[in-house]
Protein backbone atom coordinates (compact mmCIF):
# COMPACT_ATOMS: atom_id res chain seq x y z
CA MET A 1 -22.42 88.81 24.49
CA GLN A 2 -20.79 86.65 27.14
CA LEU A 3 -22.47 86.13 30.52
CA ARG A 4 -19.70 87.94 32.38
CA ALA A 5 -19.79 90.96 30.06
CA ALA A 6 -23.58 91.17 30.28
CA LEU A 7 -23.46 90.99 34.07
CA GLN A 8 -20.79 93.69 34.29
CA ALA A 9 -22.70 96.01 31.97
CA GLY A 10 -25.98 95.46 33.77
CA LEU A 11 -24.34 96.06 37.14
CA LYS A 12 -22.76 99.30 35.97
CA THR A 13 -26.12 100.64 34.81
CA LEU A 14 -27.75 99.86 38.14
CA LEU A 15 -24.87 101.30 40.15
CA ASP A 16 -24.95 104.48 38.07
CA GLN A 17 -28.65 104.82 38.94
CA HIS A 18 -27.98 104.12 42.65
CA VAL A 19 -30.24 101.07 42.68
CA PRO A 20 -30.10 99.30 46.06
CA SER A 21 -28.59 95.79 46.08
CA ALA A 22 -27.49 96.39 42.49
CA GLY A 23 -25.29 93.30 42.33
CA LEU A 24 -28.06 90.97 43.43
CA ALA A 25 -30.53 92.55 41.00
CA ALA A 26 -28.11 92.24 38.08
CA GLU A 27 -27.52 88.57 38.91
CA LEU A 28 -31.18 87.67 39.37
CA LEU A 29 -32.25 89.31 36.14
CA LEU A 30 -29.47 87.58 34.19
CA MET A 31 -30.32 84.22 35.74
CA HIS A 32 -33.94 84.87 34.79
CA VAL A 33 -33.28 85.46 31.09
CA ALA A 34 -30.42 82.95 30.61
CA PRO A 35 -31.99 80.91 32.32
CA CYS A 36 -29.47 79.46 34.77
CA ASP A 37 -28.56 79.36 38.45
CA ARG A 38 -25.88 81.43 40.19
CA SER A 39 -23.38 78.59 40.13
CA HIS A 40 -23.66 78.29 36.35
CA LEU A 41 -23.34 82.04 35.98
CA TYR A 42 -19.95 82.12 37.69
CA THR A 43 -18.52 78.83 36.48
CA ASN A 44 -19.31 79.61 32.83
CA PRO A 45 -18.60 83.36 32.53
CA GLU A 46 -17.51 83.12 28.89
CA GLU A 47 -20.68 81.38 27.73
CA ASP A 48 -22.51 83.34 25.06
CA LEU A 49 -25.91 84.76 25.93
CA PRO A 50 -28.24 84.53 22.90
CA ALA A 51 -29.05 87.84 21.24
CA GLU A 52 -32.73 87.68 22.17
CA ALA A 53 -31.90 86.98 25.83
CA THR A 54 -29.31 89.77 25.80
CA GLU A 55 -31.87 92.25 24.53
CA ARG A 56 -34.39 91.12 27.12
CA TYR A 57 -31.79 91.37 29.89
CA PHE A 58 -30.98 94.99 29.16
CA GLN A 59 -34.67 95.82 28.88
CA LEU A 60 -35.15 94.45 32.39
CA ILE A 61 -32.06 96.30 33.63
CA ALA A 62 -33.51 99.53 32.27
CA GLU A 63 -36.80 98.87 34.04
CA ARG A 64 -35.02 98.07 37.30
CA ALA A 65 -33.07 101.31 36.98
CA THR A 66 -36.39 103.21 37.12
CA GLY A 67 -37.13 101.64 40.49
CA LYS A 68 -39.38 98.76 39.45
CA PRO A 69 -38.69 95.90 41.87
CA THR A 70 -36.70 92.93 40.64
CA GLN A 71 -39.43 90.57 41.86
CA TYR A 72 -42.02 92.18 39.57
CA LEU A 73 -39.61 91.81 36.67
CA THR A 74 -38.92 88.12 37.28
CA GLY A 75 -42.39 87.37 38.68
CA HIS A 76 -40.98 85.41 41.61
CA GLN A 77 -39.97 85.73 45.26
CA GLU A 78 -38.93 83.07 47.75
CA PHE A 79 -40.65 82.98 51.15
CA TRP A 80 -40.36 80.26 53.80
CA GLY A 81 -38.39 78.17 51.31
CA LEU A 82 -41.31 78.29 48.84
CA ASP A 83 -41.36 79.94 45.42
CA PHE A 84 -44.15 82.51 45.08
CA GLU A 85 -45.49 84.24 42.02
CA VAL A 86 -45.65 87.98 42.56
CA THR A 87 -47.25 90.68 40.43
CA PRO A 88 -47.86 94.41 40.96
CA ASP A 89 -51.24 93.39 42.44
CA VAL A 90 -49.58 92.10 45.61
CA LEU A 91 -47.03 93.21 48.16
CA ILE A 92 -43.69 91.47 47.64
CA PRO A 93 -43.12 88.91 50.44
CA ARG A 94 -40.23 89.90 52.68
CA PRO A 95 -37.98 87.90 55.01
CA GLU A 96 -39.19 89.93 58.01
CA THR A 97 -42.72 88.64 57.49
CA GLU A 98 -41.48 85.11 58.13
CA HIS A 99 -41.39 86.14 61.80
CA ALA A 100 -45.21 86.17 61.77
CA VAL A 101 -45.20 82.55 60.59
CA GLU A 102 -42.58 81.65 63.21
CA THR A 103 -44.64 83.31 65.95
CA VAL A 104 -47.73 81.27 65.10
CA LEU A 105 -45.70 78.06 65.14
CA ASP A 106 -44.05 79.06 68.43
CA CYS A 107 -47.47 79.68 70.00
CA ILE A 108 -48.61 76.23 68.87
CA ALA A 109 -45.49 74.64 70.37
CA ARG A 110 -45.79 76.51 73.68
CA ARG A 111 -49.37 75.34 74.08
CA ASN A 112 -48.35 71.76 73.29
CA LEU A 113 -50.92 71.67 70.51
CA GLY A 114 -48.60 70.05 67.99
CA LYS A 115 -48.46 70.71 64.26
CA GLU A 116 -50.93 67.88 63.69
CA ALA A 117 -53.70 69.68 65.59
CA SER A 118 -56.95 70.59 63.81
CA LEU A 119 -56.59 74.35 64.11
CA ARG A 120 -58.58 77.08 62.35
CA VAL A 121 -56.30 79.85 61.08
CA VAL A 122 -57.11 83.02 59.12
CA ASP A 123 -54.60 85.24 57.32
CA VAL A 124 -56.08 88.73 56.91
CA GLY A 125 -54.91 90.72 53.89
CA THR A 126 -53.33 87.62 52.42
CA GLY A 127 -51.94 89.26 49.26
CA SER A 128 -49.76 86.67 47.52
CA GLY A 129 -50.86 84.12 50.11
CA CYS A 130 -47.33 83.80 51.46
CA ILE A 131 -48.22 83.64 55.17
CA ILE A 132 -51.14 81.24 54.97
CA LEU A 133 -49.46 78.99 52.40
CA ALA A 134 -46.30 78.84 54.52
CA LEU A 135 -48.49 77.79 57.45
CA ALA A 136 -50.27 75.26 55.23
CA SER A 137 -46.90 73.67 54.50
CA GLU A 138 -46.33 73.26 58.24
CA LEU A 139 -49.82 72.42 59.56
CA PRO A 140 -51.23 69.45 57.64
CA ASN A 141 -54.50 69.18 59.55
CA ALA A 142 -55.37 72.85 59.95
CA GLN A 143 -58.39 74.52 58.37
CA LEU A 144 -56.90 77.57 56.69
CA PHE A 145 -58.33 80.76 55.20
CA GLY A 146 -56.91 83.81 53.46
CA THR A 147 -58.95 87.00 53.14
CA ASP A 148 -58.29 90.07 51.04
CA ILE A 149 -60.31 93.03 49.83
CA SER A 150 -58.57 92.87 46.45
CA PRO A 151 -59.89 90.35 43.88
CA ALA A 152 -56.67 90.73 41.88
CA ALA A 153 -54.56 89.82 44.92
CA LEU A 154 -56.76 86.81 45.63
CA ALA A 155 -56.24 85.60 42.06
CA VAL A 156 -52.47 85.62 42.65
CA ALA A 157 -52.88 83.82 45.99
CA LYS A 158 -55.00 81.12 44.38
CA ARG A 159 -52.43 80.59 41.64
CA ASN A 160 -49.71 80.27 44.26
CA ALA A 161 -51.77 77.72 46.17
CA ALA A 162 -52.20 75.67 43.00
CA ARG A 163 -48.50 75.92 42.05
CA LEU A 164 -47.48 74.75 45.51
CA GLY A 165 -49.97 71.88 45.59
CA LEU A 166 -51.89 73.49 48.46
CA ALA A 167 -55.09 74.59 46.71
CA ALA A 168 -57.20 72.00 48.55
CA ARG A 169 -55.83 73.14 51.91
CA VAL A 170 -56.64 76.86 51.86
CA GLN A 171 -59.89 78.70 51.20
CA PHE A 172 -59.48 82.24 49.87
CA VAL A 173 -62.27 84.74 50.55
CA GLU A 174 -62.88 88.26 49.27
CA ALA A 175 -63.67 90.18 52.44
CA ASP A 176 -62.82 93.30 54.41
CA LEU A 177 -60.68 92.05 57.30
CA LEU A 178 -62.67 89.39 59.23
CA SER A 179 -66.15 90.38 58.04
CA TYR A 180 -66.70 86.95 56.45
CA PHE A 181 -66.30 85.29 59.86
CA LEU A 182 -68.49 87.65 61.88
CA GLN A 183 -71.47 85.36 61.56
CA GLY A 184 -72.64 81.81 62.09
CA ASP A 185 -70.43 79.12 63.57
CA SER A 186 -67.20 81.07 63.01
CA LEU A 187 -67.87 83.36 65.98
CA GLY A 188 -65.61 82.33 68.82
CA ALA A 189 -64.31 79.36 66.86
CA LEU A 190 -60.97 80.42 65.34
CA ASP A 191 -57.57 79.59 66.83
CA PHE A 192 -55.34 82.15 65.10
CA VAL A 193 -55.79 85.43 63.28
CA VAL A 194 -52.54 86.45 61.58
CA SER A 195 -51.92 89.50 59.43
CA ASN A 196 -49.36 91.80 57.87
CA PRO A 197 -51.70 94.78 57.49
CA PRO A 198 -50.98 98.18 55.93
CA TYR A 199 -49.44 100.45 58.56
CA VAL A 200 -47.66 103.36 56.84
CA SER A 201 -49.24 106.71 57.75
CA ASN A 202 -49.63 109.65 55.40
CA ASP A 203 -46.80 111.59 57.03
CA GLU A 204 -44.44 108.64 56.57
CA ILE A 205 -44.99 108.14 52.83
CA ASN A 206 -41.95 110.19 51.83
CA MET A 207 -39.77 107.94 53.97
CA VAL A 208 -40.91 104.83 52.12
CA GLN A 209 -38.41 103.34 49.67
CA ARG A 210 -39.05 104.35 46.06
CA GLU A 211 -39.57 100.74 44.98
CA VAL A 212 -42.44 100.41 47.45
CA ARG A 213 -43.92 103.88 47.10
CA ASP A 214 -44.04 103.92 43.31
CA TYR A 215 -44.68 100.27 42.45
CA GLU A 216 -46.20 98.16 45.23
CA PRO A 217 -49.98 98.44 45.80
CA ARG A 218 -50.64 101.18 48.36
CA LEU A 219 -53.75 99.31 49.48
CA ALA A 220 -51.37 96.71 50.93
CA TRP A 221 -48.88 98.97 52.69
CA GLY A 222 -50.47 102.17 53.83
CA GLY A 223 -51.24 105.76 53.11
CA LEU A 224 -53.38 105.84 56.27
CA GLU A 225 -54.17 108.80 58.49
CA SER A 226 -52.28 107.49 61.52
CA GLY A 227 -51.06 104.05 60.44
CA ASN A 228 -52.93 102.31 63.28
CA GLU A 229 -56.47 102.24 61.91
CA ILE A 230 -56.38 98.69 60.59
CA TYR A 231 -55.09 97.31 63.89
CA ARG A 232 -57.96 98.92 65.79
CA ARG A 233 -60.57 97.33 63.55
CA LEU A 234 -58.76 94.01 63.27
CA PHE A 235 -58.32 93.54 67.02
CA ALA A 236 -61.99 94.33 67.70
CA GLN A 237 -63.11 91.78 65.11
CA ALA A 238 -60.55 89.20 66.25
CA LEU A 239 -62.04 89.30 69.75
CA GLN A 240 -65.32 88.18 68.26
CA VAL A 241 -64.04 85.33 66.09
CA LEU A 242 -61.28 83.86 68.25
CA ARG A 243 -62.03 81.20 70.80
CA PRO A 244 -60.89 81.91 74.39
CA GLY A 245 -57.12 81.38 74.40
CA GLY A 246 -56.90 81.97 70.65
CA SER A 247 -54.25 84.36 69.38
CA VAL A 248 -53.88 87.35 67.13
CA VAL A 249 -50.46 87.73 65.48
CA VAL A 250 -49.65 90.88 63.50
CA GLU A 251 -46.60 92.34 61.84
CA ILE A 252 -45.84 95.94 62.78
CA GLY A 253 -43.73 98.78 61.45
CA TYR A 254 -40.39 99.56 63.07
CA ASN A 255 -41.89 102.45 65.09
CA LYS A 256 -45.36 101.02 65.78
CA ARG A 257 -44.76 98.86 68.88
CA ASP A 258 -46.30 101.15 71.50
CA ALA A 259 -49.16 102.37 69.30
CA VAL A 260 -50.18 98.85 68.27
CA ALA A 261 -49.83 97.39 71.76
CA ALA A 262 -52.02 100.21 73.06
CA ARG A 263 -54.82 99.02 70.77
CA LEU A 264 -54.92 95.74 72.69
CA GLY A 265 -57.13 96.69 75.61
CA ALA A 266 -59.66 94.71 77.59
CA GLY A 267 -60.14 91.16 76.42
CA TRP A 268 -56.48 90.48 75.67
CA SER A 269 -53.71 88.88 77.73
CA ASP A 270 -50.16 87.56 77.33
CA ILE A 271 -49.19 90.42 75.03
CA GLU A 272 -45.75 89.88 73.48
CA VAL A 273 -43.62 91.96 71.13
CA CYS A 274 -41.20 89.83 69.13
CA PRO A 275 -38.10 91.40 67.51
CA ASP A 276 -36.63 90.44 64.18
CA LEU A 277 -33.00 89.37 63.70
CA ALA A 278 -31.91 93.02 63.76
CA GLY A 279 -33.60 93.51 67.15
CA ILE A 280 -36.36 95.68 65.67
CA PRO A 281 -39.88 95.08 67.08
CA ARG A 282 -41.54 93.14 64.28
CA VAL A 283 -44.50 91.09 65.52
CA VAL A 284 -47.13 91.62 68.21
CA CYS A 285 -48.90 88.57 69.60
CA ALA A 286 -51.76 88.44 72.12
CA CYS A 287 -54.20 85.86 73.44
CA LYS A 288 -57.92 86.35 73.85
CA SER A 289 -58.61 86.21 77.56
CA SER A 290 -60.49 83.18 78.86
CA ARG A 291 -62.91 85.37 80.74
C-alpha cells in the first residue's frame, strides 16, 4: 500500500470513531511505522509501505480508535524540545506543563541568580521526569532531584535521564511528596520545589477526556475527594524544606486557582498566578517568607 493511501485509510478510521486530532494521530503513527518524517510522508506519497509496516500501522490505528493515546502507541512525546519515552506508567507530558519550567526560570532571572547558580531543585511527582530533566538542560550547576511514589514511573524517568545524557545530573528518589527531604541537612536548604500534582476531584472524573480517564495512570492525575489535598500537604512540607526566599511552583487545573491559592497561608509571600497561552490560570508560584 502506498503511503498516501495508508494515511487516508487510517485517517478515515479515526474520524469515523471521532478521535480528537485524528489527522495528527494518523500522521504520527504512519511516521512511526514507516519510519520517516512528515516531510518525507508528503513529498513521497506514492512510496510503497512494506506489508509488515502496513499491518502494524492499521493495528495501531485500531488501538488509537479505542482511545489509547498516540504517545503510548509510539512510546514518545516531545517536551521542552527534548524527546521523552512515555509508557502507561507515566502521565504524558503536555505543552501546558512547560509553563512550570518557564516559571522556575523566570524566578531565577528575576532574582538575578543566573542559570549558572548552584541551586537545589526538587520535582515532586516527577513521572516521566520531563520537568526536572528540562530544568537540568537549562541549569548546568544545579543539584536536581525527582521524587515519585511509583517505582514504575521512576524507572521511566531514569531511562529518560540516561537517553538524554542527564543521568549524572539528576537523582531520582522513591518518596511520598517531600518526605525524603524532611530530615537532615535538606531542611531549609532547597531553592525550588516544583510539581504537576494530581488535582482532578472525584466529581470531575466524568469530565476528563477518555484518553486520560481510561489510559493514563490515575495516581498521576486525580480521583481525589476535593482535588486540593495534594497541594495542602505539599505546601506544608515545602515550607519546611525551602530556604527563606525559596519558591514553590505548581501546575493547577483550569478551575483550581482560588482553591490552590487559598492553601498558601502564613509563611508565604509574593503569590503569583501565571496563565498559559490561552489565558487560563496554569501555574501558581509563591516564595517562602524571610521571617
